[in-house]
């Protein structure tokens, strides 16, 4: 087991709010990773680099995590994972 630390973004929609701007609420898809970003240039870039290193054979696709966060969740929370069917 390898634990990889990813610092969360401290960008906030509402000042002094404890919104969980977490990069680890990503979704692993076939051939890619859907990663939330939070308009925090330094933290976003750091998270992208860490996730790309952790998943070198996958394409990283970034989405606006703040928009999703307004609904109370994250990328992984709003996706429905389906395994590939054997045909």
C-alpha atoms as a PDB file:
ATOM      1  CA  UNK A   1       0.000   0.000   0.000  1.00  0.00           C
ATOM      2  CA  UNK A   2       1.363   3.374  -0.986  1.00  0.00           C
ATOM      3  CA  UNK A   3      -0.171   6.541   0.447  1.00  0.00           C
ATOM      4  CA  UNK A   4       0.220   9.605  -1.760  1.00  0.00           C
ATOM      5  CA  UNK A   5      -0.458  12.952  -0.126  1.00  0.00           C
ATOM      6  CA  UNK A   6      -2.350  15.563  -2.137  1.00  0.00           C
ATOM      7  CA  UNK A   7      -2.853  18.933  -0.475  1.00  0.00           C
ATOM      8  CA  UNK A   8      -6.380  20.270  -0.820  1.00  0.00           C
ATOM      9  CA  UNK A   9      -7.151  23.651  -2.327  1.00  0.00           C
ATOM     10  CA  UNK A  10      -7.863  26.512   0.026  1.00  0.00           C
ATOM     11  CA  UNK A  11      -9.934  28.315  -2.600  1.00  0.00           C
ATOM     12  CA  UNK A  12     -13.402  29.088  -1.201  1.00  0.00           C
ATOM     13  CA  UNK A  13     -16.702  30.099  -2.742  1.00  0.00           C
ATOM     14  CA  UNK A  14     -17.853  31.498   0.588  1.00  0.00           C
ATOM     15  CA  UNK A  15     -15.206  33.188   2.783  1.00  0.00           C
ATOM     16  CA  UNK A  16     -14.412  31.263   5.990  1.00  0.00           C
ATOM     17  CA  UNK A  17     -16.468  28.258   4.859  1.00  0.00           C
ATOM     18  CA  UNK A  18     -15.179  24.681   5.192  1.00  0.00           C
ATOM     19  CA  UNK A  19     -15.997  23.480   1.694  1.00  0.00           C
ATOM     20  CA  UNK A  20     -14.113  20.252   0.983  1.00  0.00           C
ATOM     21  CA  UNK A  21     -12.089  21.361  -2.074  1.00  0.00           C
ATOM     22  CA  UNK A  22     -10.489  17.951  -2.339  1.00  0.00           C
ATOM     23  CA  UNK A  23      -8.657  16.680  -5.381  1.00  0.00           C
ATOM     24  CA  UNK A  24      -8.972  13.063  -4.280  1.00  0.00           C
ATOM     25  CA  UNK A  25     -12.683  13.015  -5.081  1.00  0.00           C
ATOM     26  CA  UNK A  26     -11.796  12.075  -8.667  1.00  0.00           C
ATOM     27  CA  UNK A  27     -13.199   9.384 -10.952  1.00  0.00           C
ATOM     28  CA  UNK A  28     -11.076   6.726 -12.647  1.00  0.00           C
ATOM     29  CA  UNK A  29     -12.488   5.986 -16.091  1.00  0.00           C
ATOM     30  CA  UNK A  30     -11.340   3.663 -18.857  1.00  0.00           C
ATOM     31  CA  UNK A  31      -8.112   5.281 -19.991  1.00  0.00           C
ATOM     32  CA  UNK A  32      -8.528   8.434 -17.954  1.00  0.00           C
ATOM     33  CA  UNK A  33      -9.053  10.216 -14.659  1.00  0.00           C
ATOM     34  CA  UNK A  34     -11.666  12.962 -14.220  1.00  0.00           C
ATOM     35  CA  UNK A  35     -10.108  15.409 -11.765  1.00  0.00           C
ATOM     36  CA  UNK A  36     -11.811  18.386 -10.102  1.00  0.00           C
ATOM     37  CA  UNK A  37      -9.927  21.677 -10.086  1.00  0.00           C
ATOM     38  CA  UNK A  38     -10.735  24.744  -7.998  1.00  0.00           C
ATOM     39  CA  UNK A  39      -9.304  27.881  -9.710  1.00  0.00           C
ATOM     40  CA  UNK A  40      -6.301  27.696  -7.379  1.00  0.00           C
ATOM     41  CA  UNK A  41      -3.458  27.751  -9.907  1.00  0.00           C
ATOM     42  CA  UNK A  42      -0.670  26.438  -7.668  1.00  0.00           C
ATOM     43  CA  UNK A  43      -2.753  23.746  -5.930  1.00  0.00           C
ATOM     44  CA  UNK A  44      -4.486  22.702  -9.177  1.00  0.00           C
ATOM     45  CA  UNK A  45      -1.152  22.267 -10.969  1.00  0.00           C
ATOM     46  CA  UNK A  46       0.286  20.323  -8.030  1.00  0.00           C
ATOM     47  CA  UNK A  47      -2.717  17.979  -7.940  1.00  0.00           C
ATOM     48  CA  UNK A  48      -2.628  17.420 -11.701  1.00  0.00           C
ATOM     49  CA  UNK A  49       1.078  16.510 -11.522  1.00  0.00           C
ATOM     50  CA  UNK A  50       0.571  14.118  -8.590  1.00  0.00           C
ATOM     51  CA  UNK A  51      -2.437  12.377 -10.160  1.00  0.00           C
ATOM     52  CA  UNK A  52      -0.661  12.115 -13.544  1.00  0.00           C
ATOM     53  CA  UNK A  53       2.334  10.526 -11.799  1.00  0.00           C
ATOM     54  CA  UNK A  54       0.050   8.104  -9.947  1.00  0.00           C
ATOM     55  CA  UNK A  55      -1.770   7.178 -13.187  1.00  0.00           C
ATOM     56  CA  UNK A  56       0.900   7.528 -15.912  1.00  0.00           C
ATOM     57  CA  UNK A  57      -1.048   5.540 -18.522  1.00  0.00           C
ATOM     58  CA  UNK A  58      -4.256   7.571 -18.163  1.00  0.00           C
ATOM     59  CA  UNK A  59      -5.294  10.929 -19.580  1.00  0.00           C
ATOM     60  CA  UNK A  60      -6.181  13.512 -16.921  1.00  0.00           C
ATOM     61  CA  UNK A  61      -9.374  15.440 -17.739  1.00  0.00           C
ATOM     62  CA  UNK A  62     -10.052  18.414 -15.459  1.00  0.00           C
ATOM     63  CA  UNK A  63     -13.518  19.724 -14.621  1.00  0.00           C
ATOM     64  CA  UNK A  64     -14.656  22.699 -12.559  1.00  0.00           C
ATOM     65  CA  UNK A  65     -14.862  21.282  -9.044  1.00  0.00           C
ATOM     66  CA  UNK A  66     -16.388  24.459  -7.586  1.00  0.00           C
ATOM     67  CA  UNK A  67     -19.537  24.070  -9.680  1.00  0.00           C
ATOM     68  CA  UNK A  68     -19.964  20.484  -8.493  1.00  0.00           C
ATOM     69  CA  UNK A  69     -19.113  21.450  -4.914  1.00  0.00           C
ATOM     70  CA  UNK A  70     -22.062  23.866  -4.848  1.00  0.00           C
ATOM     71  CA  UNK A  71     -24.313  20.803  -5.026  1.00  0.00           C
ATOM     72  CA  UNK A  72     -22.619  19.261  -2.007  1.00  0.00           C
ATOM     73  CA  UNK A  73     -20.450  16.638  -3.656  1.00  0.00           C
ATOM     74  CA  UNK A  74     -17.504  15.929  -5.872  1.00  0.00           C
ATOM     75  CA  UNK A  75     -16.698  14.191  -9.145  1.00  0.00           C
ATOM     76  CA  UNK A  76     -16.706  10.706  -7.625  1.00  0.00           C
ATOM     77  CA  UNK A  77     -19.953  11.461  -5.762  1.00  0.00           C
ATOM     78  CA  UNK A  78     -21.858  12.337  -8.939  1.00  0.00           C
ATOM     79  CA  UNK A  79     -20.679   9.474 -11.142  1.00  0.00           C
ATOM     80  CA  UNK A  80     -22.101   5.987 -11.453  1.00  0.00           C
ATOM     81  CA  UNK A  81     -19.282   3.537 -11.971  1.00  0.00           C
ATOM     82  CA  UNK A  82     -20.073   0.628 -14.267  1.00  0.00           C
ATOM     83  CA  UNK A  83     -17.607  -2.191 -14.910  1.00  0.00           C
ATOM     84  CA  UNK A  84     -16.929  -3.105 -18.520  1.00  0.00           C
ATOM     85  CA  UNK A  85     -19.213  -5.951 -19.538  1.00  0.00           C
ATOM     86  CA  UNK A  86     -17.771  -9.179 -20.868  1.00  0.00           C
ATOM     87  CA  UNK A  87     -19.171  -9.680 -24.348  1.00  0.00           C
END
